[in-house]
């Protein structure tokens, strides 16, 4: 299994409780595909450094998880199709020594 870090930015016009539920759904999707969520950090609403799709702010969250390459590919494809997600980025973390 590899370690990954997933950053997701949800739309600013969502209610914070709905964003937290969406983050919980992502965590559930990870665990349903035999992944292990190691940590979740909800940053809340933050201002963007530059405008994205006529928006200046969004809800940031960071999820660290372990999983197979296929899990990362499925998450990437699924998050790119969601209208509530402005941007997402999945990074592979260096191997633990």
PDB file of N, CA and C in Angstrom:
ATOM      1  N   UNK A   1       0.837  -1.184   0.000  1.00  0.00           N
ATOM      2  CA  UNK A   1       0.000   0.000   0.000  1.00  0.00           C
ATOM      3  C   UNK A   1       0.883   1.248   0.000  1.00  0.00           C
ATOM      4  N   UNK A   2       0.401   2.264  -0.666  1.00  0.00           N
ATOM      5  CA  UNK A   2       1.112   3.529  -0.739  1.00  0.00           C
ATOM      6  C   UNK A   2       0.383   4.579   0.084  1.00  0.00           C
ATOM      7  N   UNK A   3       1.115   5.586   0.509  1.00  0.00           N
ATOM      8  CA  UNK A   3       0.521   6.679   1.275  1.00  0.00           C
ATOM      9  C   UNK A   3       0.236   7.852   0.341  1.00  0.00           C
ATOM     10  N   UNK A   4      -0.943   8.453   0.510  1.00  0.00           N
ATOM     11  CA  UNK A   4      -1.358   9.571  -0.320  1.00  0.00           C
ATOM     12  C   UNK A   4      -1.909  10.687   0.557  1.00  0.00           C
ATOM     13  N   UNK A   5      -1.869  11.895   0.001  1.00  0.00           N
ATOM     14  CA  UNK A   5      -2.514  13.041   0.636  1.00  0.00           C
ATOM     15  C   UNK A   5      -3.467  13.638  -0.397  1.00  0.00           C
ATOM     16  N   UNK A   6      -4.709  13.801   0.004  1.00  0.00           N
ATOM     17  CA  UNK A   6      -5.744  14.327  -0.873  1.00  0.00           C
ATOM     18  C   UNK A   6      -6.217  15.675  -0.336  1.00  0.00           C
ATOM     19  N   UNK A   7      -6.101  16.715  -1.153  1.00  0.00           N
ATOM     20  CA  UNK A   7      -6.652  18.015  -0.790  1.00  0.00           C
ATOM     21  C   UNK A   7      -7.858  18.271  -1.668  1.00  0.00           C
ATOM     22  N   UNK A   8      -8.964  18.641  -1.043  1.00  0.00           N
ATOM     23  CA  UNK A   8     -10.202  18.913  -1.764  1.00  0.00           C
ATOM     24  C   UNK A   8     -10.675  20.313  -1.408  1.00  0.00           C
ATOM     25  N   UNK A   9     -11.104  21.060  -2.425  1.00  0.00           N
ATOM     26  CA  UNK A   9     -11.713  22.377  -2.209  1.00  0.00           C
ATOM     27  C   UNK A   9     -13.157  22.281  -2.665  1.00  0.00           C
ATOM     28  N   UNK A  10     -14.075  22.472  -1.716  1.00  0.00           N
ATOM     29  CA  UNK A  10     -15.503  22.477  -2.024  1.00  0.00           C
ATOM     30  C   UNK A  10     -15.978  23.904  -2.252  1.00  0.00           C
ATOM     31  N   UNK A  11     -17.110  24.042  -2.915  1.00  0.00           N
ATOM     32  CA  UNK A  11     -17.678  25.344  -3.253  1.00  0.00           C
ATOM     33  C   UNK A  11     -17.959  26.173  -2.001  1.00  0.00           C
ATOM     34  N   UNK A  12     -17.793  27.475  -2.126  1.00  0.00           N
ATOM     35  CA  UNK A  12     -17.985  28.403  -1.008  1.00  0.00           C
ATOM     36  C   UNK A  12     -19.439  28.542  -0.609  1.00  0.00           C
ATOM     37  N   UNK A  13     -20.386  28.293  -1.527  1.00  0.00           N
ATOM     38  CA  UNK A  13     -21.806  28.522  -1.238  1.00  0.00           C
ATOM     39  C   UNK A  13     -22.481  27.322  -0.560  1.00  0.00           C
ATOM     40  N   UNK A  14     -21.715  26.295  -0.239  1.00  0.00           N
ATOM     41  CA  UNK A  14     -22.261  25.158   0.500  1.00  0.00           C
ATOM     42  C   UNK A  14     -22.291  25.479   1.990  1.00  0.00           C
ATOM     43  N   UNK A  15     -23.191  24.824   2.709  1.00  0.00           N
ATOM     44  CA  UNK A  15     -23.237  24.941   4.162  1.00  0.00           C
ATOM     45  C   UNK A  15     -22.115  24.076   4.731  1.00  0.00           C
ATOM     46  N   UNK A  16     -21.471  24.544   5.806  1.00  0.00           N
ATOM     47  CA  UNK A  16     -20.319  23.827   6.357  1.00  0.00           C
ATOM     48  C   UNK A  16     -20.662  22.391   6.741  1.00  0.00           C
ATOM     49  N   UNK A  17     -21.866  22.161   7.273  1.00  0.00           N
ATOM     50  CA  UNK A  17     -22.256  20.795   7.634  1.00  0.00           C
ATOM     51  C   UNK A  17     -22.313  19.888   6.399  1.00  0.00           C
ATOM     52  N   UNK A  18     -22.780  20.433   5.272  1.00  0.00           N
ATOM     53  CA  UNK A  18     -22.824  19.647   4.037  1.00  0.00           C
ATOM     54  C   UNK A  18     -21.418  19.328   3.537  1.00  0.00           C
ATOM     55  N   UNK A  19     -20.499  20.257   3.718  1.00  0.00           N
ATOM     56  CA  UNK A  19     -19.112  20.021   3.308  1.00  0.00           C
ATOM     57  C   UNK A  19     -18.506  18.920   4.169  1.00  0.00           C
ATOM     58  N   UNK A  20     -18.760  18.971   5.471  1.00  0.00           N
ATOM     59  CA  UNK A  20     -18.236  17.924   6.365  1.00  0.00           C
ATOM     60  C   UNK A  20     -18.815  16.552   6.008  1.00  0.00           C
ATOM     61  N   UNK A  21     -20.094  16.517   5.609  1.00  0.00           N
ATOM     62  CA  UNK A  21     -20.708  15.256   5.176  1.00  0.00           C
ATOM     63  C   UNK A  21     -20.055  14.762   3.891  1.00  0.00           C
ATOM     64  N   UNK A  22     -19.742  15.685   2.983  1.00  0.00           N
ATOM     65  CA  UNK A  22     -19.087  15.303   1.734  1.00  0.00           C
ATOM     66  C   UNK A  22     -17.698  14.739   2.005  1.00  0.00           C
ATOM     67  N   UNK A  23     -16.972  15.330   2.951  1.00  0.00           N
ATOM     68  CA  UNK A  23     -15.650  14.825   3.329  1.00  0.00           C
ATOM     69  C   UNK A  23     -15.786  13.426   3.947  1.00  0.00           C
ATOM     70  N   UNK A  24     -16.819  13.227   4.769  1.00  0.00           N
ATOM     71  CA  UNK A  24     -17.064  11.910   5.361  1.00  0.00           C
ATOM     72  C   UNK A  24     -17.386  10.879   4.277  1.00  0.00           C
ATOM     73  N   UNK A  25     -18.077  11.293   3.216  1.00  0.00           N
ATOM     74  CA  UNK A  25     -18.365  10.383   2.101  1.00  0.00           C
ATOM     75  C   UNK A  25     -17.083   9.985   1.370  1.00  0.00           C
ATOM     76  N   UNK A  26     -16.165  10.921   1.225  1.00  0.00           N
ATOM     77  CA  UNK A  26     -14.879  10.598   0.597  1.00  0.00           C
ATOM     78  C   UNK A  26     -14.118   9.603   1.471  1.00  0.00           C
ATOM     79  N   UNK A  27     -14.124   9.822   2.779  1.00  0.00           N
ATOM     80  CA  UNK A  27     -13.472   8.884   3.695  1.00  0.00           C
ATOM     81  C   UNK A  27     -14.096   7.494   3.580  1.00  0.00           C
ATOM     82  N   UNK A  28     -15.420   7.441   3.485  1.00  0.00           N
ATOM     83  CA  UNK A  28     -16.111   6.162   3.360  1.00  0.00           C
ATOM     84  C   UNK A  28     -15.752   5.481   2.046  1.00  0.00           C
ATOM     85  N   UNK A  29     -15.638   6.263   0.975  1.00  0.00           N
ATOM     86  CA  UNK A  29     -15.247   5.692  -0.315  1.00  0.00           C
ATOM     87  C   UNK A  29     -13.852   5.083  -0.237  1.00  0.00           C
ATOM     88  N   UNK A  30     -12.974   5.715   0.518  1.00  0.00           N
ATOM     89  CA  UNK A  30     -11.612   5.185   0.687  1.00  0.00           C
ATOM     90  C   UNK A  30     -11.646   3.865   1.446  1.00  0.00           C
ATOM     91  N   UNK A  31     -12.368   3.830   2.554  1.00  0.00           N
ATOM     92  CA  UNK A  31     -12.410   2.611   3.362  1.00  0.00           C
ATOM     93  C   UNK A  31     -13.184   1.492   2.668  1.00  0.00           C
ATOM     94  N   UNK A  32     -14.179   1.837   1.844  1.00  0.00           N
ATOM     95  CA  UNK A  32     -14.929   0.808   1.109  1.00  0.00           C
ATOM     96  C   UNK A  32     -14.062   0.094   0.080  1.00  0.00           C
ATOM     97  N   UNK A  33     -13.000   0.746  -0.374  1.00  0.00           N
ATOM     98  CA  UNK A  33     -12.099   0.153  -1.368  1.00  0.00           C
ATOM     99  C   UNK A  33     -10.795  -0.307  -0.707  1.00  0.00           C
ATOM    100  N   UNK A  34     -10.889  -0.748   0.541  1.00  0.00           N
ATOM    101  CA  UNK A  34      -9.764  -1.327   1.288  1.00  0.00           C
ATOM    102  C   UNK A  34      -8.634  -0.340   1.558  1.00  0.00           C
ATOM    103  N   UNK A  35      -8.942   0.951   1.572  1.00  0.00           N
ATOM    104  CA  UNK A  35      -7.967   1.956   1.961  1.00  0.00           C
ATOM    105  C   UNK A  35      -8.067   2.234   3.451  1.00  0.00           C
ATOM    106  N   UNK A  36      -7.069   2.904   3.981  1.00  0.00           N
ATOM    107  CA  UNK A  36      -7.035   3.244   5.408  1.00  0.00           C
ATOM    108  C   UNK A  36      -6.826   4.749   5.530  1.00  0.00           C
ATOM    109  N   UNK A  37      -7.810   5.435   6.128  1.00  0.00           N
ATOM    110  CA  UNK A  37      -7.681   6.877   6.361  1.00  0.00           C
ATOM    111  C   UNK A  37      -6.839   7.064   7.613  1.00  0.00           C
ATOM    112  N   UNK A  38      -5.704   7.747   7.483  1.00  0.00           N
ATOM    113  CA  UNK A  38      -4.818   7.943   8.631  1.00  0.00           C
ATOM    114  C   UNK A  38      -5.092   9.262   9.343  1.00  0.00           C
ATOM    115  N   UNK A  39      -5.527  10.290   8.598  1.00  0.00           N
ATOM    116  CA  UNK A  39      -5.882  11.556   9.249  1.00  0.00           C
ATOM    117  C   UNK A  39      -6.748  12.391   8.322  1.00  0.00           C
ATOM    118  N   UNK A  40      -7.557  13.248   8.950  1.00  0.00           N
ATOM    119  CA  UNK A  40      -8.396  14.191   8.215  1.00  0.00           C
ATOM    120  C   UNK A  40      -8.263  15.541   8.880  1.00  0.00           C
ATOM    121  N   UNK A  41      -8.019  16.559   8.078  1.00  0.00           N
ATOM    122  CA  UNK A  41      -7.860  17.913   8.591  1.00  0.00           C
ATOM    123  C   UNK A  41      -8.789  18.834   7.812  1.00  0.00           C
ATOM    124  N   UNK A  42      -9.809  19.365   8.485  1.00  0.00           N
ATOM    125  CA  UNK A  42     -10.766  20.279   7.858  1.00  0.00           C
ATOM    126  C   UNK A  42     -10.315  21.706   8.147  1.00  0.00           C
ATOM    127  N   UNK A  43      -9.930  22.433   7.113  1.00  0.00           N
ATOM    128  CA  UNK A  43      -9.396  23.785   7.285  1.00  0.00           C
ATOM    129  C   UNK A  43     -10.483  24.840   7.343  1.00  0.00           C
ATOM    130  N   UNK A  44     -11.652  24.545   6.810  1.00  0.00           N
ATOM    131  CA  UNK A  44     -12.724  25.529   6.777  1.00  0.00           C
ATOM    132  C   UNK A  44     -12.656  26.396   5.534  1.00  0.00           C
ATOM    133  N   UNK A  45     -13.364  27.521   5.579  1.00  0.00           N
ATOM    134  CA  UNK A  45     -13.434  28.402   4.422  1.00  0.00           C
ATOM    135  C   UNK A  45     -12.185  29.274   4.353  1.00  0.00           C
ATOM    136  N   UNK A  46     -11.529  29.253   3.197  1.00  0.00           N
ATOM    137  CA  UNK A  46     -10.310  30.033   2.981  1.00  0.00           C
ATOM    138  C   UNK A  46     -10.425  30.807   1.678  1.00  0.00           C
ATOM    139  N   UNK A  47      -9.710  31.884   1.606  1.00  0.00           N
ATOM    140  CA  UNK A  47      -9.666  32.703   0.403  1.00  0.00           C
ATOM    141  C   UNK A  47      -8.624  32.132  -0.565  1.00  0.00           C
ATOM    142  N   UNK A  48      -8.951  32.131  -1.866  1.00  0.00           N
ATOM    143  CA  UNK A  48      -8.036  31.644  -2.891  1.00  0.00           C
ATOM    144  C   UNK A  48      -6.954  32.672  -3.165  1.00  0.00           C
ATOM    145  N   UNK A  49      -5.829  32.215  -3.647  1.00  0.00           N
ATOM    146  CA  UNK A  49      -4.759  33.115  -4.072  1.00  0.00           C
ATOM    147  C   UNK A  49      -5.128  33.785  -5.394  1.00  0.00           C
ATOM    148  N   UNK A  50      -5.958  33.117  -6.183  1.00  0.00           N
ATOM    149  CA  UNK A  50      -6.433  33.672  -7.451  1.00  0.00           C
ATOM    150  C   UNK A  50      -7.839  33.140  -7.709  1.00  0.00           C
ATOM    151  N   UNK A  51      -8.559  33.788  -8.580  1.00  0.00           N
ATOM    152  CA  UNK A  51      -9.946  33.429  -8.863  1.00  0.00           C
ATOM    153  C   UNK A  51     -10.013  32.117  -9.645  1.00  0.00           C
ATOM    154  N   UNK A  52     -10.921  31.230  -9.219  1.00  0.00           N
ATOM    155  CA  UNK A  52     -11.156  29.958  -9.900  1.00  0.00           C
ATOM    156  C   UNK A  52     -12.636  29.895 -10.250  1.00  0.00           C
ATOM    157  N   UNK A  53     -12.959  29.818 -11.519  1.00  0.00           N
ATOM    158  CA  UNK A  53     -14.353  29.725 -11.976  1.00  0.00           C
ATOM    159  C   UNK A  53     -15.235  30.809 -11.352  1.00  0.00           C
ATOM    160  N   UNK A  54     -14.749  32.026 -11.324  1.00  0.00           N
ATOM    161  CA  UNK A  54     -15.460  33.193 -10.777  1.00  0.00           C
ATOM    162  C   UNK A  54     -15.721  33.074  -9.273  1.00  0.00           C
ATOM    163  N   UNK A  55     -14.912  32.298  -8.569  1.00  0.00           N
ATOM    164  CA  UNK A  55     -15.021  32.154  -7.115  1.00  0.00           C
ATOM    165  C   UNK A  55     -13.723  32.629  -6.475  1.00  0.00           C
ATOM    166  N   UNK A  56     -13.853  33.212  -5.287  1.00  0.00           N
ATOM    167  CA  UNK A  56     -12.678  33.719  -4.575  1.00  0.00           C
ATOM    168  C   UNK A  56     -12.378  32.964  -3.287  1.00  0.00           C
ATOM    169  N   UNK A  57     -13.263  32.039  -2.877  1.00  0.00           N
ATOM    170  CA  UNK A  57     -13.045  31.279  -1.649  1.00  0.00           C
ATOM    171  C   UNK A  57     -13.716  29.919  -1.745  1.00  0.00           C
ATOM    172  N   UNK A  58     -13.309  29.019  -0.837  1.00  0.00           N
ATOM    173  CA  UNK A  58     -13.862  27.677  -0.806  1.00  0.00           C
ATOM    174  C   UNK A  58     -13.484  26.984   0.494  1.00  0.00           C
ATOM    175  N   UNK A  59     -14.084  25.822   0.719  1.00  0.00           N
ATOM    176  CA  UNK A  59     -13.813  25.028   1.917  1.00  0.00           C
ATOM    177  C   UNK A  59     -12.704  24.017   1.617  1.00  0.00           C
ATOM    178  N   UNK A  60     -11.631  24.091   2.381  1.00  0.00           N
ATOM    179  CA  UNK A  60     -10.479  23.213   2.188  1.00  0.00           C
ATOM    180  C   UNK A  60     -10.525  22.047   3.182  1.00  0.00           C
ATOM    181  N   UNK A  61     -10.128  20.877   2.715  1.00  0.00           N
ATOM    182  CA  UNK A  61      -9.944  19.733   3.603  1.00  0.00           C
ATOM    183  C   UNK A  61      -8.799  18.884   3.056  1.00  0.00           C
ATOM    184  N   UNK A  62      -8.070  18.255   3.970  1.00  0.00           N
ATOM    185  CA  UNK A  62      -6.926  17.413   3.609  1.00  0.00           C
ATOM    186  C   UNK A  62      -7.129  16.046   4.264  1.00  0.00           C
ATOM    187  N   UNK A  63      -7.060  15.009   3.442  1.00  0.00           N
ATOM    188  CA  UNK A  63      -7.220  13.639   3.921  1.00  0.00           C
ATOM    189  C   UNK A  63      -5.944  12.875   3.586  1.00  0.00           C
ATOM    190  N   UNK A  64      -5.337  12.264   4.580  1.00  0.00           N
ATOM    191  CA  UNK A  64      -4.168  11.410   4.381  1.00  0.00           C
ATOM    192  C   UNK A  64      -4.640   9.970   4.480  1.00  0.00           C
ATOM    193  N   UNK A  65      -4.265   9.153   3.492  1.00  0.00           N
ATOM    194  CA  UNK A  65      -4.736   7.773   3.490  1.00  0.00           C
ATOM    195  C   UNK A  65      -3.698   6.859   2.849  1.00  0.00           C
ATOM    196  N   UNK A  66      -3.856   5.563   3.123  1.00  0.00           N
ATOM    197  CA  UNK A  66      -3.042   4.519   2.511  1.00  0.00           C
ATOM    198  C   UNK A  66      -3.950   3.693   1.614  1.00  0.00           C
ATOM    199  N   UNK A  67      -3.440   3.341   0.442  1.00  0.00           N
ATOM    200  CA  UNK A  67      -4.247   2.548  -0.482  1.00  0.00           C
ATOM    201  C   UNK A  67      -3.454   2.150  -1.702  1.00  0.00           C
ATOM    202  N   UNK A  68      -4.112   1.408  -2.564  1.00  0.00           N
ATOM    203  CA  UNK A  68      -3.507   0.949  -3.808  1.00  0.00           C
ATOM    204  C   UNK A  68      -3.637   2.031  -4.881  1.00  0.00           C
ATOM    205  N   UNK A  69      -2.912   1.855  -5.967  1.00  0.00           N
ATOM    206  CA  UNK A  69      -2.925   2.814  -7.070  1.00  0.00           C
ATOM    207  C   UNK A  69      -4.330   2.931  -7.663  1.00  0.00           C
ATOM    208  N   UNK A  70      -5.045   1.828  -7.748  1.00  0.00           N
ATOM    209  CA  UNK A  70      -6.395   1.845  -8.313  1.00  0.00           C
ATOM    210  C   UNK A  70      -7.328   2.732  -7.500  1.00  0.00           C
ATOM    211  N   UNK A  71      -7.168   2.741  -6.190  1.00  0.00           N
ATOM    212  CA  UNK A  71      -7.979   3.607  -5.328  1.00  0.00           C
ATOM    213  C   UNK A  71      -7.727   5.068  -5.649  1.00  0.00           C
ATOM    214  N   UNK A  72      -6.489   5.435  -5.829  1.00  0.00           N
ATOM    215  CA  UNK A  72      -6.140   6.815  -6.168  1.00  0.00           C
ATOM    216  C   UNK A  72      -6.760   7.194  -7.507  1.00  0.00           C
ATOM    217  N   UNK A  73      -6.738   6.297  -8.465  1.00  0.00           N
ATOM    218  CA  UNK A  73      -7.301   6.576  -9.784  1.00  0.00           C
ATOM    219  C   UNK A  73      -8.824   6.727  -9.723  1.00  0.00           C
ATOM    220  N   UNK A  74      -9.481   5.891  -8.939  1.00  0.00           N
ATOM    221  CA  UNK A  74     -10.941   5.975  -8.797  1.00  0.00           C
ATOM    222  C   UNK A  74     -11.328   7.276  -8.103  1.00  0.00           C
ATOM    223  N   UNK A  75     -10.608   7.648  -7.049  1.00  0.00           N
ATOM    224  CA  UNK A  75     -10.900   8.904  -6.355  1.00  0.00           C
ATOM    225  C   UNK A  75     -10.714  10.101  -7.281  1.00  0.00           C
ATOM    226  N   UNK A  76      -9.638  10.092  -8.045  1.00  0.00           N
ATOM    227  CA  UNK A  76      -9.366  11.194  -8.962  1.00  0.00           C
ATOM    228  C   UNK A  76     -10.503  11.343  -9.973  1.00  0.00           C
ATOM    229  N   UNK A  77     -10.935  10.244 -10.538  1.00  0.00           N
ATOM    230  CA  UNK A  77     -12.016  10.277 -11.525  1.00  0.00           C
ATOM    231  C   UNK A  77     -13.337  10.721 -10.889  1.00  0.00           C
ATOM    232  N   UNK A  78     -13.652  10.199  -9.713  1.00  0.00           N
ATOM    233  CA  UNK A  78     -14.915  10.524  -9.047  1.00  0.00           C
ATOM    234  C   UNK A  78     -14.982  11.985  -8.620  1.00  0.00           C
ATOM    235  N   UNK A  79     -13.893  12.492  -8.042  1.00  0.00           N
ATOM    236  CA  UNK A  79     -13.894  13.879  -7.571  1.00  0.00           C
ATOM    237  C   UNK A  79     -13.941  14.869  -8.728  1.00  0.00           C
ATOM    238  N   UNK A  80     -13.388  14.497  -9.863  1.00  0.00           N
ATOM    239  CA  UNK A  80     -13.423  15.414 -11.009  1.00  0.00           C
ATOM    240  C   UNK A  80     -14.830  15.547 -11.580  1.00  0.00           C
ATOM    241  N   UNK A  81     -15.713  14.597 -11.303  1.00  0.00           N
ATOM    242  CA  UNK A  81     -17.082  14.647 -11.811  1.00  0.00           C
ATOM    243  C   UNK A  81     -18.056  15.369 -10.885  1.00  0.00           C
ATOM    244  N   UNK A  82     -17.673  15.612  -9.637  1.00  0.00           N
ATOM    245  CA  UNK A  82     -18.574  16.241  -8.675  1.00  0.00           C
ATOM    246  C   UNK A  82     -18.640  17.752  -8.881  1.00  0.00           C
ATOM    247  N   UNK A  83     -19.855  18.295  -8.952  1.00  0.00           N
ATOM    248  CA  UNK A  83     -20.032  19.736  -9.117  1.00  0.00           C
ATOM    249  C   UNK A  83     -19.662  20.502  -7.853  1.00  0.00           C
ATOM    250  N   UNK A  84     -19.768  19.875  -6.695  1.00  0.00           N
ATOM    251  CA  UNK A  84     -19.473  20.547  -5.424  1.00  0.00           C
ATOM    252  C   UNK A  84     -17.978  20.739  -5.204  1.00  0.00           C
ATOM    253  N   UNK A  85     -17.154  20.010  -5.955  1.00  0.00           N
ATOM    254  CA  UNK A  85     -15.704  20.093  -5.800  1.00  0.00           C
ATOM    255  C   UNK A  85     -15.137  21.070  -6.828  1.00  0.00           C
ATOM    256  N   UNK A  86     -14.492  22.125  -6.324  1.00  0.00           N
ATOM    257  CA  UNK A  86     -13.872  23.121  -7.198  1.00  0.00           C
ATOM    258  C   UNK A  86     -12.559  22.573  -7.743  1.00  0.00           C
ATOM    259  N   UNK A  87     -11.708  22.090  -6.853  1.00  0.00           N
ATOM    260  CA  UNK A  87     -10.419  21.513  -7.220  1.00  0.00           C
ATOM    261  C   UNK A  87     -10.085  20.376  -6.261  1.00  0.00           C
ATOM    262  N   UNK A  88      -9.258  19.462  -6.720  1.00  0.00           N
ATOM    263  CA  UNK A  88      -8.718  18.421  -5.849  1.00  0.00           C
ATOM    264  C   UNK A  88      -7.331  18.066  -6.345  1.00  0.00           C
ATOM    265  N   UNK A  89      -6.528  17.569  -5.440  1.00  0.00           N
ATOM    266  CA  UNK A  89      -5.151  17.186  -5.777  1.00  0.00           C
ATOM    267  C   UNK A  89      -4.768  15.992  -4.911  1.00  0.00           C
ATOM    268  N   UNK A  90      -4.244  14.958  -5.544  1.00  0.00           N
ATOM    269  CA  UNK A  90      -3.785  13.775  -4.822  1.00  0.00           C
ATOM    270  C   UNK A  90      -2.281  13.681  -4.994  1.00  0.00           C
ATOM    271  N   UNK A  91      -1.568  13.655  -3.872  1.00  0.00           N
ATOM    272  CA  UNK A  91      -0.115  13.549  -3.881  1.00  0.00           C
ATOM    273  C   UNK A  91       0.316  12.240  -3.247  1.00  0.00           C
ATOM    274  N   UNK A  92       1.306  11.599  -3.835  1.00  0.00           N
ATOM    275  CA  UNK A  92       1.874  10.406  -3.235  1.00  0.00           C
ATOM    276  C   UNK A  92       2.931  10.852  -2.243  1.00  0.00           C
ATOM    277  N   UNK A  93       2.805  10.407  -1.013  1.00  0.00           N
ATOM    278  CA  UNK A  93       3.765  10.757   0.027  1.00  0.00           C
ATOM    279  C   UNK A  93       4.994   9.860  -0.060  1.00  0.00           C
ATOM    280  N   UNK A  94       6.143  10.349   0.362  1.00  0.00           N
ATOM    281  CA  UNK A  94       7.351   9.510   0.327  1.00  0.00           C
ATOM    282  C   UNK A  94       7.216   8.313   1.251  1.00  0.00           C
ATOM    283  N   UNK A  95       7.911   7.264   0.909  1.00  0.00           N
ATOM    284  CA  UNK A  95       7.871   6.033   1.706  1.00  0.00           C
ATOM    285  C   UNK A  95       8.383   6.297   3.119  1.00  0.00           C
ATOM    286  N   UNK A  96       7.742   5.671   4.096  1.00  0.00           N
ATOM    287  CA  UNK A  96       8.137   5.834   5.485  1.00  0.00           C
ATOM    288  C   UNK A  96       9.397   5.027   5.755  1.00  0.00           C
ATOM    289  N   UNK A  97      10.323   5.619   6.462  1.00  0.00           N
ATOM    290  CA  UNK A  97      11.589   4.958   6.755  1.00  0.00           C
ATOM    291  C   UNK A  97      11.547   4.327   8.120  1.00  0.00           C
TER     292      UNK A  97
END
